[in-house]
């Protein structure tokens, strides 16, 4: 017997607002049954587990122990620029001159995530 990952839970102050950000990141919809002000909201990914946002009273205080790593369809540089435009912030830049590495961003509530090289970026090296 095994367990199946049902969702990735993310604690936050504004479940619906953060779900809308991640909907923009992934291009996947917020659950149509969810509304602004809901304490629980989810983004329905095309494949894999659901991104589940749970409103909690306490703020984020330390670095995430678990985070999402994104592999963009476009170049890493284009995706970092797009995500910054959606409201992410750059937390750490681990991109190397040879094209390897990754960028660490944070969503509007400070949850870190990584943007890796795309398949086309990896093919160049």
PDB file of N, CA and C in Angstrom:
ATOM      1  N   UNK A   1       0.831  -1.178   0.000  1.00  0.00           N
ATOM      2  CA  UNK A   1       0.000   0.000   0.000  1.00  0.00           C
ATOM      3  C   UNK A   1       0.878   1.244   0.000  1.00  0.00           C
ATOM      4  N   UNK A   2       0.374   2.309  -0.602  1.00  0.00           N
ATOM      5  CA  UNK A   2       1.070   3.590  -0.657  1.00  0.00           C
ATOM      6  C   UNK A   2       0.071   4.701  -0.389  1.00  0.00           C
ATOM      7  N   UNK A   3       0.584   5.879  -0.166  1.00  0.00           N
ATOM      8  CA  UNK A   3      -0.262   7.065  -0.044  1.00  0.00           C
ATOM      9  C   UNK A   3      -0.103   7.905  -1.297  1.00  0.00           C
ATOM     10  N   UNK A   4      -1.150   8.601  -1.673  1.00  0.00           N
ATOM     11  CA  UNK A   4      -1.146   9.487  -2.827  1.00  0.00           C
ATOM     12  C   UNK A   4      -1.198  10.921  -2.320  1.00  0.00           C
ATOM     13  N   UNK A   5      -0.360  11.794  -2.860  1.00  0.00           N
ATOM     14  CA  UNK A   5      -0.371  13.202  -2.458  1.00  0.00           C
ATOM     15  C   UNK A   5      -1.655  13.835  -2.994  1.00  0.00           C
ATOM     16  N   UNK A   6      -2.501  14.285  -2.098  1.00  0.00           N
ATOM     17  CA  UNK A   6      -3.782  14.905  -2.450  1.00  0.00           C
ATOM     18  C   UNK A   6      -3.612  16.385  -2.793  1.00  0.00           C
ATOM     19  N   UNK A   7      -2.835  17.089  -1.955  1.00  0.00           N
ATOM     20  CA  UNK A   7      -2.645  18.513  -2.188  1.00  0.00           C
ATOM     21  C   UNK A   7      -1.341  18.973  -1.552  1.00  0.00           C
ATOM     22  N   UNK A   8      -0.937  20.148  -1.945  1.00  0.00           N
ATOM     23  CA  UNK A   8       0.170  20.843  -1.299  1.00  0.00           C
ATOM     24  C   UNK A   8      -0.482  22.007  -0.564  1.00  0.00           C
ATOM     25  N   UNK A   9      -0.413  22.000   0.766  1.00  0.00           N
ATOM     26  CA  UNK A   9      -1.086  23.005   1.577  1.00  0.00           C
ATOM     27  C   UNK A   9      -0.147  24.182   1.844  1.00  0.00           C
ATOM     28  N   UNK A  10      -0.673  25.381   1.679  1.00  0.00           N
ATOM     29  CA  UNK A  10       0.090  26.605   1.894  1.00  0.00           C
ATOM     30  C   UNK A  10      -0.703  27.483   2.861  1.00  0.00           C
ATOM     31  N   UNK A  11      -0.124  27.723   4.040  1.00  0.00           N
ATOM     32  CA  UNK A  11      -0.752  28.621   5.007  1.00  0.00           C
ATOM     33  C   UNK A  11      -0.598  30.055   4.518  1.00  0.00           C
ATOM     34  N   UNK A  12      -1.609  30.874   4.771  1.00  0.00           N
ATOM     35  CA  UNK A  12      -1.573  32.249   4.274  1.00  0.00           C
ATOM     36  C   UNK A  12      -2.569  33.118   5.036  1.00  0.00           C
ATOM     37  N   UNK A  13      -2.496  34.426   4.796  1.00  0.00           N
ATOM     38  CA  UNK A  13      -3.420  35.381   5.412  1.00  0.00           C
ATOM     39  C   UNK A  13      -4.663  35.596   4.556  1.00  0.00           C
ATOM     40  N   UNK A  14      -4.531  35.457   3.240  1.00  0.00           N
ATOM     41  CA  UNK A  14      -5.638  35.681   2.306  1.00  0.00           C
ATOM     42  C   UNK A  14      -5.680  34.524   1.315  1.00  0.00           C
ATOM     43  N   UNK A  15      -6.464  33.501   1.649  1.00  0.00           N
ATOM     44  CA  UNK A  15      -6.492  32.278   0.843  1.00  0.00           C
ATOM     45  C   UNK A  15      -6.896  32.553  -0.604  1.00  0.00           C
ATOM     46  N   UNK A  16      -7.952  33.300  -0.801  1.00  0.00           N
ATOM     47  CA  UNK A  16      -8.428  33.540  -2.172  1.00  0.00           C
ATOM     48  C   UNK A  16      -7.429  34.409  -2.952  1.00  0.00           C
ATOM     49  N   UNK A  17      -6.909  35.447  -2.311  1.00  0.00           N
ATOM     50  CA  UNK A  17      -5.953  36.328  -2.991  1.00  0.00           C
ATOM     51  C   UNK A  17      -4.693  35.591  -3.406  1.00  0.00           C
ATOM     52  N   UNK A  18      -4.163  34.741  -2.511  1.00  0.00           N
ATOM     53  CA  UNK A  18      -2.953  34.014  -2.850  1.00  0.00           C
ATOM     54  C   UNK A  18      -3.239  32.950  -3.908  1.00  0.00           C
ATOM     55  N   UNK A  19      -4.415  32.350  -3.853  1.00  0.00           N
ATOM     56  CA  UNK A  19      -4.799  31.382  -4.895  1.00  0.00           C
ATOM     57  C   UNK A  19      -4.863  32.065  -6.255  1.00  0.00           C
ATOM     58  N   UNK A  20      -5.345  33.289  -6.311  1.00  0.00           N
ATOM     59  CA  UNK A  20      -5.394  34.011  -7.596  1.00  0.00           C
ATOM     60  C   UNK A  20      -3.978  34.256  -8.129  1.00  0.00           C
ATOM     61  N   UNK A  21      -3.024  34.599  -7.243  1.00  0.00           N
ATOM     62  CA  UNK A  21      -1.642  34.763  -7.679  1.00  0.00           C
ATOM     63  C   UNK A  21      -1.140  33.457  -8.285  1.00  0.00           C
ATOM     64  N   UNK A  22      -1.303  32.333  -7.565  1.00  0.00           N
ATOM     65  CA  UNK A  22      -0.798  31.050  -8.048  1.00  0.00           C
ATOM     66  C   UNK A  22      -1.558  30.556  -9.271  1.00  0.00           C
ATOM     67  N   UNK A  23      -2.804  30.965  -9.417  1.00  0.00           N
ATOM     68  CA  UNK A  23      -3.535  30.666 -10.646  1.00  0.00           C
ATOM     69  C   UNK A  23      -2.852  31.356 -11.827  1.00  0.00           C
ATOM     70  N   UNK A  24      -2.428  32.597 -11.629  1.00  0.00           N
ATOM     71  CA  UNK A  24      -1.688  33.312 -12.666  1.00  0.00           C
ATOM     72  C   UNK A  24      -0.346  32.679 -12.960  1.00  0.00           C
ATOM     73  N   UNK A  25       0.328  32.186 -11.919  1.00  0.00           N
ATOM     74  CA  UNK A  25       1.630  31.528 -12.092  1.00  0.00           C
ATOM     75  C   UNK A  25       1.478  30.273 -12.932  1.00  0.00           C
ATOM     76  N   UNK A  26       0.502  29.439 -12.580  1.00  0.00           N
ATOM     77  CA  UNK A  26       0.365  28.121 -13.201  1.00  0.00           C
ATOM     78  C   UNK A  26      -0.522  28.111 -14.452  1.00  0.00           C
ATOM     79  N   UNK A  27      -1.338  29.150 -14.629  1.00  0.00           N
ATOM     80  CA  UNK A  27      -2.286  29.146 -15.733  1.00  0.00           C
ATOM     81  C   UNK A  27      -3.456  28.203 -15.497  1.00  0.00           C
ATOM     82  N   UNK A  28      -3.619  27.761 -14.254  1.00  0.00           N
ATOM     83  CA  UNK A  28      -4.705  26.845 -13.891  1.00  0.00           C
ATOM     84  C   UNK A  28      -5.736  27.597 -13.058  1.00  0.00           C
ATOM     85  N   UNK A  29      -6.988  27.157 -13.113  1.00  0.00           N
ATOM     86  CA  UNK A  29      -8.050  27.930 -12.464  1.00  0.00           C
ATOM     87  C   UNK A  29      -8.129  27.765 -10.954  1.00  0.00           C
ATOM     88  N   UNK A  30      -8.603  28.829 -10.317  1.00  0.00           N
ATOM     89  CA  UNK A  30      -9.046  28.733  -8.926  1.00  0.00           C
ATOM     90  C   UNK A  30     -10.331  27.915  -8.952  1.00  0.00           C
ATOM     91  N   UNK A  31     -10.518  27.064  -7.969  1.00  0.00           N
ATOM     92  CA  UNK A  31     -11.735  26.256  -7.875  1.00  0.00           C
ATOM     93  C   UNK A  31     -12.949  27.181  -8.029  1.00  0.00           C
ATOM     94  N   UNK A  32     -13.851  26.890  -8.977  1.00  0.00           N
ATOM     95  CA  UNK A  32     -14.992  27.786  -9.224  1.00  0.00           C
ATOM     96  C   UNK A  32     -15.946  27.913  -8.039  1.00  0.00           C
ATOM     97  N   UNK A  33     -15.872  27.017  -7.085  1.00  0.00           N
ATOM     98  CA  UNK A  33     -16.722  27.107  -5.896  1.00  0.00           C
ATOM     99  C   UNK A  33     -16.144  28.048  -4.840  1.00  0.00           C
ATOM    100  N   UNK A  34     -14.917  28.526  -5.040  1.00  0.00           N
ATOM    101  CA  UNK A  34     -14.264  29.399  -4.068  1.00  0.00           C
ATOM    102  C   UNK A  34     -14.553  30.868  -4.371  1.00  0.00           C
ATOM    103  N   UNK A  35     -14.606  31.670  -3.315  1.00  0.00           N
ATOM    104  CA  UNK A  35     -14.931  33.085  -3.430  1.00  0.00           C
ATOM    105  C   UNK A  35     -13.991  33.917  -2.556  1.00  0.00           C
ATOM    106  N   UNK A  36     -13.860  35.235  -2.859  1.00  0.00           N
ATOM    107  CA  UNK A  36     -13.087  36.108  -1.971  1.00  0.00           C
ATOM    108  C   UNK A  36     -13.634  36.012  -0.545  1.00  0.00           C
ATOM    109  N   UNK A  37     -12.717  35.970   0.414  1.00  0.00           N
ATOM    110  CA  UNK A  37     -13.105  35.856   1.817  1.00  0.00           C
ATOM    111  C   UNK A  37     -13.163  34.425   2.323  1.00  0.00           C
ATOM    112  N   UNK A  38     -13.148  33.438   1.408  1.00  0.00           N
ATOM    113  CA  UNK A  38     -13.133  32.039   1.854  1.00  0.00           C
ATOM    114  C   UNK A  38     -11.843  31.765   2.613  1.00  0.00           C
ATOM    115  N   UNK A  39     -11.937  30.999   3.671  1.00  0.00           N
ATOM    116  CA  UNK A  39     -10.758  30.651   4.478  1.00  0.00           C
ATOM    117  C   UNK A  39      -9.939  29.533   3.841  1.00  0.00           C
ATOM    118  N   UNK A  40     -10.540  28.806   2.918  1.00  0.00           N
ATOM    119  CA  UNK A  40      -9.866  27.736   2.196  1.00  0.00           C
ATOM    120  C   UNK A  40     -10.162  27.902   0.715  1.00  0.00           C
ATOM    121  N   UNK A  41      -9.124  27.833  -0.081  1.00  0.00           N
ATOM    122  CA  UNK A  41      -9.264  27.993  -1.530  1.00  0.00           C
ATOM    123  C   UNK A  41      -8.247  27.075  -2.186  1.00  0.00           C
ATOM    124  N   UNK A  42      -8.534  26.651  -3.403  1.00  0.00           N
ATOM    125  CA  UNK A  42      -7.572  25.802  -4.087  1.00  0.00           C
ATOM    126  C   UNK A  42      -7.444  26.150  -5.557  1.00  0.00           C
ATOM    127  N   UNK A  43      -6.260  25.850  -6.102  1.00  0.00           N
ATOM    128  CA  UNK A  43      -5.989  25.978  -7.524  1.00  0.00           C
ATOM    129  C   UNK A  43      -5.950  24.565  -8.075  1.00  0.00           C
ATOM    130  N   UNK A  44      -6.735  24.334  -9.118  1.00  0.00           N
ATOM    131  CA  UNK A  44      -6.878  23.002  -9.693  1.00  0.00           C
ATOM    132  C   UNK A  44      -5.850  22.812 -10.806  1.00  0.00           C
ATOM    133  N   UNK A  45      -4.724  22.198 -10.462  1.00  0.00           N
ATOM    134  CA  UNK A  45      -3.667  21.969 -11.437  1.00  0.00           C
ATOM    135  C   UNK A  45      -4.110  20.916 -12.453  1.00  0.00           C
ATOM    136  N   UNK A  46      -3.607  21.027 -13.678  1.00  0.00           N
ATOM    137  CA  UNK A  46      -3.966  20.082 -14.738  1.00  0.00           C
ATOM    138  C   UNK A  46      -3.479  18.677 -14.401  1.00  0.00           C
ATOM    139  N   UNK A  47      -2.312  18.588 -13.777  1.00  0.00           N
ATOM    140  CA  UNK A  47      -1.741  17.298 -13.379  1.00  0.00           C
ATOM    141  C   UNK A  47      -1.194  17.426 -11.965  1.00  0.00           C
ATOM    142  N   UNK A  48      -1.212  16.342 -11.241  1.00  0.00           N
ATOM    143  CA  UNK A  48      -0.632  16.344  -9.907  1.00  0.00           C
ATOM    144  C   UNK A  48      -1.608  16.834  -8.853  1.00  0.00           C
ATOM    145  N   UNK A  49      -1.064  17.103  -7.658  1.00  0.00           N
ATOM    146  CA  UNK A  49      -1.929  17.496  -6.545  1.00  0.00           C
ATOM    147  C   UNK A  49      -2.481  18.913  -6.704  1.00  0.00           C
ATOM    148  N   UNK A  50      -3.480  19.203  -5.929  1.00  0.00           N
ATOM    149  CA  UNK A  50      -4.101  20.524  -5.872  1.00  0.00           C
ATOM    150  C   UNK A  50      -3.214  21.444  -5.029  1.00  0.00           C
ATOM    151  N   UNK A  51      -3.161  22.731  -5.375  1.00  0.00           N
ATOM    152  CA  UNK A  51      -2.548  23.722  -4.490  1.00  0.00           C
ATOM    153  C   UNK A  51      -3.660  24.222  -3.570  1.00  0.00           C
ATOM    154  N   UNK A  52      -3.517  23.961  -2.286  1.00  0.00           N
ATOM    155  CA  UNK A  52      -4.554  24.246  -1.294  1.00  0.00           C
ATOM    156  C   UNK A  52      -4.083  25.383  -0.393  1.00  0.00           C
ATOM    157  N   UNK A  53      -4.856  26.449  -0.316  1.00  0.00           N
ATOM    158  CA  UNK A  53      -4.502  27.633   0.467  1.00  0.00           C
ATOM    159  C   UNK A  53      -5.407  27.696   1.689  1.00  0.00           C
ATOM    160  N   UNK A  54      -4.787  27.745   2.851  1.00  0.00           N
ATOM    161  CA  UNK A  54      -5.486  27.703   4.119  1.00  0.00           C
ATOM    162  C   UNK A  54      -5.176  28.972   4.905  1.00  0.00           C
ATOM    163  N   UNK A  55      -6.206  29.747   5.182  1.00  0.00           N
ATOM    164  CA  UNK A  55      -6.025  30.995   5.927  1.00  0.00           C
ATOM    165  C   UNK A  55      -5.730  30.690   7.389  1.00  0.00           C
ATOM    166  N   UNK A  56      -4.633  31.267   7.890  1.00  0.00           N
ATOM    167  CA  UNK A  56      -4.235  31.085   9.292  1.00  0.00           C
ATOM    168  C   UNK A  56      -4.004  32.457   9.924  1.00  0.00           C
ATOM    169  N   UNK A  57      -4.102  32.558  11.256  1.00  0.00           N
ATOM    170  CA  UNK A  57      -3.956  33.870  11.894  1.00  0.00           C
ATOM    171  C   UNK A  57      -2.514  34.354  12.017  1.00  0.00           C
ATOM    172  N   UNK A  58      -1.551  33.440  12.089  1.00  0.00           N
ATOM    173  CA  UNK A  58      -0.168  33.866  12.318  1.00  0.00           C
ATOM    174  C   UNK A  58       0.541  34.142  10.990  1.00  0.00           C
ATOM    175  N   UNK A  59       1.444  35.131  10.972  1.00  0.00           N
ATOM    176  CA  UNK A  59       2.190  35.450   9.755  1.00  0.00           C
ATOM    177  C   UNK A  59       3.346  34.476   9.542  1.00  0.00           C
ATOM    178  N   UNK A  60       3.843  34.426   8.333  1.00  0.00           N
ATOM    179  CA  UNK A  60       5.040  33.641   8.032  1.00  0.00           C
ATOM    180  C   UNK A  60       6.222  34.323   8.712  1.00  0.00           C
ATOM    181  N   UNK A  61       7.076  33.510   9.357  1.00  0.00           N
ATOM    182  CA  UNK A  61       8.188  34.112  10.090  1.00  0.00           C
ATOM    183  C   UNK A  61       9.556  33.577   9.686  1.00  0.00           C
ATOM    184  N   UNK A  62       9.623  32.400   9.108  1.00  0.00           N
ATOM    185  CA  UNK A  62      10.919  31.815   8.745  1.00  0.00           C
ATOM    186  C   UNK A  62      10.877  31.257   7.329  1.00  0.00           C
ATOM    187  N   UNK A  63      12.048  30.847   6.851  1.00  0.00           N
ATOM    188  CA  UNK A  63      12.172  30.259   5.520  1.00  0.00           C
ATOM    189  C   UNK A  63      11.330  28.985   5.415  1.00  0.00           C
ATOM    190  N   UNK A  64      10.734  28.778   4.243  1.00  0.00           N
ATOM    191  CA  UNK A  64       9.974  27.550   3.994  1.00  0.00           C
ATOM    192  C   UNK A  64      10.890  26.335   4.115  1.00  0.00           C
ATOM    193  N   UNK A  65      10.401  25.267   4.700  1.00  0.00           N
ATOM    194  CA  UNK A  65      11.131  23.996   4.713  1.00  0.00           C
ATOM    195  C   UNK A  65      10.780  23.189   3.469  1.00  0.00           C
ATOM    196  N   UNK A  66       9.620  23.423   2.901  1.00  0.00           N
ATOM    197  CA  UNK A  66       9.179  22.792   1.655  1.00  0.00           C
ATOM    198  C   UNK A  66       8.796  23.918   0.713  1.00  0.00           C
ATOM    199  N   UNK A  67       9.178  23.794  -0.546  1.00  0.00           N
ATOM    200  CA  UNK A  67       8.788  24.832  -1.510  1.00  0.00           C
ATOM    201  C   UNK A  67       8.535  24.213  -2.871  1.00  0.00           C
ATOM    202  N   UNK A  68       7.900  24.965  -3.742  1.00  0.00           N
ATOM    203  CA  UNK A  68       7.644  24.525  -5.109  1.00  0.00           C
ATOM    204  C   UNK A  68       8.810  24.937  -5.997  1.00  0.00           C
ATOM    205  N   UNK A  69       9.159  24.084  -6.942  1.00  0.00           N
ATOM    206  CA  UNK A  69      10.146  24.406  -7.974  1.00  0.00           C
ATOM    207  C   UNK A  69       9.412  24.385  -9.310  1.00  0.00           C
ATOM    208  N   UNK A  70       9.519  25.467 -10.046  1.00  0.00           N
ATOM    209  CA  UNK A  70       8.820  25.613 -11.323  1.00  0.00           C
ATOM    210  C   UNK A  70       9.787  25.444 -12.483  1.00  0.00           C
ATOM    211  N   UNK A  71       9.383  24.687 -13.501  1.00  0.00           N
ATOM    212  CA  UNK A  71      10.144  24.579 -14.735  1.00  0.00           C
ATOM    213  C   UNK A  71       9.291  25.243 -15.813  1.00  0.00           C
ATOM    214  N   UNK A  72       9.675  26.439 -16.261  1.00  0.00           N
ATOM    215  CA  UNK A  72       8.838  27.196 -17.200  1.00  0.00           C
ATOM    216  C   UNK A  72       8.852  26.615 -18.616  1.00  0.00           C
ATOM    217  N   UNK A  73       7.798  26.922 -19.354  1.00  0.00           N
ATOM    218  CA  UNK A  73       7.735  26.559 -20.769  1.00  0.00           C
ATOM    219  C   UNK A  73       8.571  27.524 -21.594  1.00  0.00           C
ATOM    220  N   UNK A  74       8.689  28.763 -21.149  1.00  0.00           N
ATOM    221  CA  UNK A  74       9.526  29.764 -21.817  1.00  0.00           C
ATOM    222  C   UNK A  74      10.904  29.727 -21.173  1.00  0.00           C
ATOM    223  N   UNK A  75      11.754  30.659 -21.492  1.00  0.00           N
ATOM    224  CA  UNK A  75      13.065  30.695 -20.832  1.00  0.00           C
ATOM    225  C   UNK A  75      12.892  31.072 -19.368  1.00  0.00           C
ATOM    226  N   UNK A  76      13.866  30.686 -18.565  1.00  0.00           N
ATOM    227  CA  UNK A  76      13.839  31.037 -17.142  1.00  0.00           C
ATOM    228  C   UNK A  76      13.782  32.553 -16.977  1.00  0.00           C
ATOM    229  N   UNK A  77      14.560  33.285 -17.781  1.00  0.00           N
ATOM    230  CA  UNK A  77      14.608  34.742 -17.655  1.00  0.00           C
ATOM    231  C   UNK A  77      13.250  35.365 -17.958  1.00  0.00           C
ATOM    232  N   UNK A  78      12.579  34.887 -19.003  1.00  0.00           N
ATOM    233  CA  UNK A  78      11.249  35.409 -19.338  1.00  0.00           C
ATOM    234  C   UNK A  78      10.252  35.096 -18.226  1.00  0.00           C
ATOM    235  N   UNK A  79      10.347  33.896 -17.657  1.00  0.00           N
ATOM    236  CA  UNK A  79       9.404  33.511 -16.609  1.00  0.00           C
ATOM    237  C   UNK A  79       9.643  34.313 -15.333  1.00  0.00           C
ATOM    238  N   UNK A  80      10.889  34.530 -14.969  1.00  0.00           N
ATOM    239  CA  UNK A  80      11.182  35.351 -13.783  1.00  0.00           C
ATOM    240  C   UNK A  80      10.584  36.741 -13.978  1.00  0.00           C
ATOM    241  N   UNK A  81      10.760  37.319 -15.143  1.00  0.00           N
ATOM    242  CA  UNK A  81      10.205  38.648 -15.422  1.00  0.00           C
ATOM    243  C   UNK A  81       8.678  38.633 -15.325  1.00  0.00           C
ATOM    244  N   UNK A  82       8.037  37.599 -15.870  1.00  0.00           N
ATOM    245  CA  UNK A  82       6.574  37.495 -15.828  1.00  0.00           C
ATOM    246  C   UNK A  82       6.089  37.379 -14.392  1.00  0.00           C
ATOM    247  N   UNK A  83       6.755  36.549 -13.592  1.00  0.00           N
ATOM    248  CA  UNK A  83       6.328  36.336 -12.210  1.00  0.00           C
ATOM    249  C   UNK A  83       6.538  37.585 -11.356  1.00  0.00           C
ATOM    250  N   UNK A  84       7.613  38.311 -11.614  1.00  0.00           N
ATOM    251  CA  UNK A  84       7.809  39.587 -10.916  1.00  0.00           C
ATOM    252  C   UNK A  84       6.676  40.542 -11.254  1.00  0.00           C
ATOM    253  N   UNK A  85       6.229  40.515 -12.502  1.00  0.00           N
ATOM    254  CA  UNK A  85       5.098  41.341 -12.923  1.00  0.00           C
ATOM    255  C   UNK A  85       3.788  40.952 -12.260  1.00  0.00           C
ATOM    256  N   UNK A  86       3.655  39.671 -11.870  1.00  0.00           N
ATOM    257  CA  UNK A  86       2.447  39.208 -11.178  1.00  0.00           C
ATOM    258  C   UNK A  86       2.454  39.567  -9.694  1.00  0.00           C
ATOM    259  N   UNK A  87       3.616  39.995  -9.175  1.00  0.00           N
ATOM    260  CA  UNK A  87       3.681  40.375  -7.768  1.00  0.00           C
ATOM    261  C   UNK A  87       4.689  39.598  -6.946  1.00  0.00           C
ATOM    262  N   UNK A  88       5.446  38.698  -7.573  1.00  0.00           N
ATOM    263  CA  UNK A  88       6.501  37.984  -6.855  1.00  0.00           C
ATOM    264  C   UNK A  88       7.663  38.937  -6.591  1.00  0.00           C
ATOM    265  N   UNK A  89       8.530  38.553  -5.660  1.00  0.00           N
ATOM    266  CA  UNK A  89       9.753  39.314  -5.404  1.00  0.00           C
ATOM    267  C   UNK A  89      10.944  38.369  -5.519  1.00  0.00           C
ATOM    268  N   UNK A  90      12.083  38.915  -5.946  1.00  0.00           N
ATOM    269  CA  UNK A  90      13.309  38.130  -6.049  1.00  0.00           C
ATOM    270  C   UNK A  90      13.951  38.047  -4.669  1.00  0.00           C
ATOM    271  N   UNK A  91      14.170  36.818  -4.182  1.00  0.00           N
ATOM    272  CA  UNK A  91      14.734  36.586  -2.853  1.00  0.00           C
ATOM    273  C   UNK A  91      16.199  36.185  -2.948  1.00  0.00           C
ATOM    274  N   UNK A  92      16.534  35.368  -3.930  1.00  0.00           N
ATOM    275  CA  UNK A  92      17.900  34.888  -4.090  1.00  0.00           C
ATOM    276  C   UNK A  92      18.175  34.567  -5.542  1.00  0.00           C
ATOM    277  N   UNK A  93      19.341  34.953  -6.013  1.00  0.00           N
ATOM    278  CA  UNK A  93      19.688  34.721  -7.410  1.00  0.00           C
ATOM    279  C   UNK A  93      20.863  33.746  -7.473  1.00  0.00           C
ATOM    280  N   UNK A  94      20.572  32.532  -7.894  1.00  0.00           N
ATOM    281  CA  UNK A  94      21.589  31.484  -7.984  1.00  0.00           C
ATOM    282  C   UNK A  94      21.846  31.121  -9.445  1.00  0.00           C
ATOM    283  N   UNK A  95      21.568  32.063 -10.348  1.00  0.00           N
ATOM    284  CA  UNK A  95      21.838  31.848 -11.766  1.00  0.00           C
ATOM    285  C   UNK A  95      23.327  32.075 -12.017  1.00  0.00           C
ATOM    286  N   UNK A  96      23.922  31.187 -12.782  1.00  0.00           N
ATOM    287  CA  UNK A  96      25.356  31.236 -13.072  1.00  0.00           C
ATOM    288  C   UNK A  96      25.594  31.771 -14.483  1.00  0.00           C
ATOM    289  N   UNK A  97      26.783  32.336 -14.739  1.00  0.00           N
ATOM    290  CA  UNK A  97      27.101  32.860 -16.071  1.00  0.00           C
ATOM    291  C   UNK A  97      26.962  31.828 -17.187  1.00  0.00           C
ATOM    292  N   UNK A  98      27.166  30.538 -16.864  1.00  0.00           N
ATOM    293  CA  UNK A  98      27.051  29.499 -17.896  1.00  0.00           C
ATOM    294  C   UNK A  98      25.598  29.095 -18.168  1.00  0.00           C
ATOM    295  N   UNK A  99      24.623  29.738 -17.482  1.00  0.00           N
ATOM    296  CA  UNK A  99      23.207  29.441 -17.702  1.00  0.00           C
ATOM    297  C   UNK A  99      22.617  28.469 -16.705  1.00  0.00           C
ATOM    298  N   UNK A 100      23.440  27.818 -15.897  1.00  0.00           N
ATOM    299  CA  UNK A 100      22.909  26.893 -14.902  1.00  0.00           C
ATOM    300  C   UNK A 100      22.341  27.679 -13.720  1.00  0.00           C
ATOM    301  N   UNK A 101      21.812  26.954 -12.751  1.00  0.00           N
ATOM    302  CA  UNK A 101      21.309  27.591 -11.546  1.00  0.00           C
ATOM    303  C   UNK A 101      19.812  27.849 -11.576  1.00  0.00           C
ATOM    304  N   UNK A 102      19.370  28.657 -10.630  1.00  0.00           N
ATOM    305  CA  UNK A 102      17.948  28.929 -10.454  1.00  0.00           C
ATOM    306  C   UNK A 102      17.769  30.284  -9.788  1.00  0.00           C
ATOM    307  N   UNK A 103      16.539  30.764  -9.820  1.00  0.00           N
ATOM    308  CA  UNK A 103      16.177  32.001  -9.132  1.00  0.00           C
ATOM    309  C   UNK A 103      15.174  31.655  -8.037  1.00  0.00           C
ATOM    310  N   UNK A 104      15.363  32.229  -6.854  1.00  0.00           N
ATOM    311  CA  UNK A 104      14.426  32.045  -5.744  1.00  0.00           C
ATOM    312  C   UNK A 104      13.555  33.291  -5.679  1.00  0.00           C
ATOM    313  N   UNK A 105      12.257  33.085  -5.779  1.00  0.00           N
ATOM    314  CA  UNK A 105      11.293  34.172  -5.682  1.00  0.00           C
ATOM    315  C   UNK A 105      10.395  33.919  -4.476  1.00  0.00           C
ATOM    316  N   UNK A 106       9.617  34.913  -4.103  1.00  0.00           N
ATOM    317  CA  UNK A 106       8.610  34.761  -3.053  1.00  0.00           C
ATOM    318  C   UNK A 106       7.280  35.264  -3.586  1.00  0.00           C
ATOM    319  N   UNK A 107       6.210  34.574  -3.209  1.00  0.00           N
ATOM    320  CA  UNK A 107       4.873  35.022  -3.600  1.00  0.00           C
ATOM    321  C   UNK A 107       4.498  36.247  -2.758  1.00  0.00           C
ATOM    322  N   UNK A 108       3.339  36.854  -2.993  1.00  0.00           N
ATOM    323  CA  UNK A 108       2.979  38.081  -2.267  1.00  0.00           C
ATOM    324  C   UNK A 108       2.932  37.946  -0.742  1.00  0.00           C
ATOM    325  N   UNK A 109       2.861  36.714  -0.223  1.00  0.00           N
ATOM    326  CA  UNK A 109       2.865  36.528   1.233  1.00  0.00           C
ATOM    327  C   UNK A 109       4.208  36.023   1.752  1.00  0.00           C
ATOM    328  N   UNK A 110       5.229  36.010   0.888  1.00  0.00           N
ATOM    329  CA  UNK A 110       6.573  35.667   1.328  1.00  0.00           C
ATOM    330  C   UNK A 110       6.960  34.207   1.229  1.00  0.00           C
ATOM    331  N   UNK A 111       6.115  33.355   0.658  1.00  0.00           N
ATOM    332  CA  UNK A 111       6.443  31.941   0.493  1.00  0.00           C
ATOM    333  C   UNK A 111       7.419  31.777  -0.668  1.00  0.00           C
ATOM    334  N   UNK A 112       8.589  31.189  -0.390  1.00  0.00           N
ATOM    335  CA  UNK A 112       9.621  31.052  -1.412  1.00  0.00           C
ATOM    336  C   UNK A 112       9.293  29.939  -2.400  1.00  0.00           C
ATOM    337  N   UNK A 113       9.747  30.137  -3.627  1.00  0.00           N
ATOM    338  CA  UNK A 113       9.677  29.110  -4.665  1.00  0.00           C
ATOM    339  C   UNK A 113      10.814  29.350  -5.641  1.00  0.00           C
ATOM    340  N   UNK A 114      11.174  28.325  -6.394  1.00  0.00           N
ATOM    341  CA  UNK A 114      12.305  28.420  -7.318  1.00  0.00           C
ATOM    342  C   UNK A 114      11.823  28.381  -8.763  1.00  0.00           C
ATOM    343  N   UNK A 115      12.550  29.086  -9.608  1.00  0.00           N
ATOM    344  CA  UNK A 115      12.333  28.998 -11.054  1.00  0.00           C
ATOM    345  C   UNK A 115      13.598  28.376 -11.630  1.00  0.00           C
ATOM    346  N   UNK A 116      13.435  27.203 -12.202  1.00  0.00           N
ATOM    347  CA  UNK A 116      14.535  26.436 -12.773  1.00  0.00           C
ATOM    348  C   UNK A 116      14.711  26.781 -14.247  1.00  0.00           C
ATOM    349  N   UNK A 117      15.725  26.212 -14.862  1.00  0.00           N
ATOM    350  CA  UNK A 117      15.912  26.386 -16.303  1.00  0.00           C
ATOM    351  C   UNK A 117      14.834  25.618 -17.051  1.00  0.00           C
ATOM    352  N   UNK A 118      14.396  26.166 -18.158  1.00  0.00           N
ATOM    353  CA  UNK A 118      13.431  25.480 -19.008  1.00  0.00           C
ATOM    354  C   UNK A 118      14.146  24.422 -19.832  1.00  0.00           C
ATOM    355  N   UNK A 119      13.387  23.592 -20.528  1.00  0.00           N
ATOM    356  CA  UNK A 119      13.981  22.582 -21.406  1.00  0.00           C
ATOM    357  C   UNK A 119      14.820  23.258 -22.479  1.00  0.00           C
ATOM    358  N   UNK A 120      14.348  24.385 -23.028  1.00  0.00           N
ATOM    359  CA  UNK A 120      15.117  25.080 -24.059  1.00  0.00           C
ATOM    360  C   UNK A 120      16.392  25.700 -23.482  1.00  0.00           C
ATOM    361  N   UNK A 121      16.329  26.192 -22.243  1.00  0.00           N
ATOM    362  CA  UNK A 121      17.532  26.714 -21.574  1.00  0.00           C
ATOM    363  C   UNK A 121      18.576  25.600 -21.398  1.00  0.00           C
ATOM    364  N   UNK A 122      18.109  24.410 -20.982  1.00  0.00           N
ATOM    365  CA  UNK A 122      19.033  23.293 -20.756  1.00  0.00           C
ATOM    366  C   UNK A 122      19.620  22.793 -22.050  1.00  0.00           C
ATOM    367  N   UNK A 123      18.899  22.894 -23.155  1.00  0.00           N
ATOM    368  CA  UNK A 123      19.380  22.405 -24.445  1.00  0.00           C
ATOM    369  C   UNK A 123      20.536  23.256 -24.975  1.00  0.00           C
ATOM    370  N   UNK A 124      20.612  24.515 -24.565  1.00  0.00           N
ATOM    371  CA  UNK A 124      21.641  25.429 -25.045  1.00  0.00           C
ATOM    372  C   UNK A 124      22.995  25.085 -24.457  1.00  0.00           C
ATOM    373  N   UNK A 125      23.003  24.546 -23.258  1.00  0.00           N
ATOM    374  CA  UNK A 125      24.277  24.281 -22.565  1.00  0.00           C
ATOM    375  C   UNK A 125      24.857  22.950 -22.984  1.00  0.00           C
TER     376      UNK A 125
END
